[in-house]
Amino acid sequence: MVKSILWKYDSELGYAYFCPSCKKFLCSHEEKCKCGQEIDYSDPVQYKGKVKWS
């Protein structure tokens, strides 16, 4: 199932994007995260929780 990408504001990067399933930082426009989640970039959702930067 495809899920919308999550975004969170970062003081150094501006908008940073994360996988909606594992909350890992995504630095390129990947169609799938390494965890296997398919990602939809058309409607990003703001996220305020904890994320994984690496």
Protein backbone atom coordinates (compact mmCIF):
# COMPACT_ATOMS: atom_id res chain seq x y z
CA MET A 1 0.00 0.00 0.00
CA VAL A 2 1.38 3.40 -1.00
CA LYS A 3 1.56 6.05 1.77
CA SER A 4 2.21 9.79 1.60
CA ILE A 5 5.71 10.94 2.49
CA LEU A 6 6.15 12.74 5.80
CA TRP A 7 7.86 16.13 6.13
CA LYS A 8 9.32 17.86 9.15
CA TYR A 9 11.02 21.26 9.37
CA ASP A 10 14.73 21.14 10.23
CA SER A 11 16.77 24.23 11.14
CA GLU A 12 19.66 23.19 8.86
CA LEU A 13 17.89 21.51 5.93
CA GLY A 14 14.59 23.35 5.85
CA TYR A 15 12.03 20.72 4.91
CA ALA A 16 13.25 17.17 5.49
CA TYR A 17 11.34 14.13 4.21
CA PHE A 18 10.82 10.79 5.94
CA CYS A 19 9.38 7.34 5.26
CA PRO A 20 5.79 7.08 6.55
CA SER A 21 6.45 3.59 7.98
CA CYS A 22 9.92 3.51 9.54
CA LYS A 23 10.33 7.35 9.89
CA LYS A 24 13.82 7.20 8.31
CA PHE A 25 15.23 10.29 6.55
CA LEU A 26 15.02 10.12 2.75
CA CYS A 27 17.49 12.26 0.83
CA SER A 28 16.51 11.28 -2.70
CA HIS A 29 13.24 10.88 -4.58
CA GLU A 30 12.96 7.12 -4.02
CA GLU A 31 9.76 5.29 -4.94
CA LYS A 32 10.39 2.76 -2.17
CA CYS A 33 12.13 3.04 1.19
CA LYS A 34 14.66 0.39 2.17
CA CYS A 35 12.04 -0.96 4.61
CA GLY A 36 9.85 -1.78 1.58
CA GLN A 37 7.25 0.99 1.96
CA GLU A 38 6.04 2.51 -1.33
CA ILE A 39 6.01 6.31 -1.12
CA ASP A 40 3.67 8.91 -2.64
CA TYR A 41 5.28 12.36 -3.02
CA SER A 42 2.18 14.12 -4.38
CA ASP A 43 0.63 15.00 -0.99
CA PRO A 44 3.26 15.32 1.81
CA VAL A 45 1.99 15.13 5.39
CA GLN A 46 3.51 17.15 8.25
CA TYR A 47 4.99 15.03 11.04
CA LYS A 48 6.04 16.25 14.49
CA GLY A 49 7.17 13.00 16.13
CA LYS A 50 10.59 11.39 16.48
CA VAL A 51 12.47 10.44 13.32
CA LYS A 52 15.58 8.47 12.34
CA TRP A 53 18.31 10.52 10.66
CA SER A 54 20.47 7.55 9.66
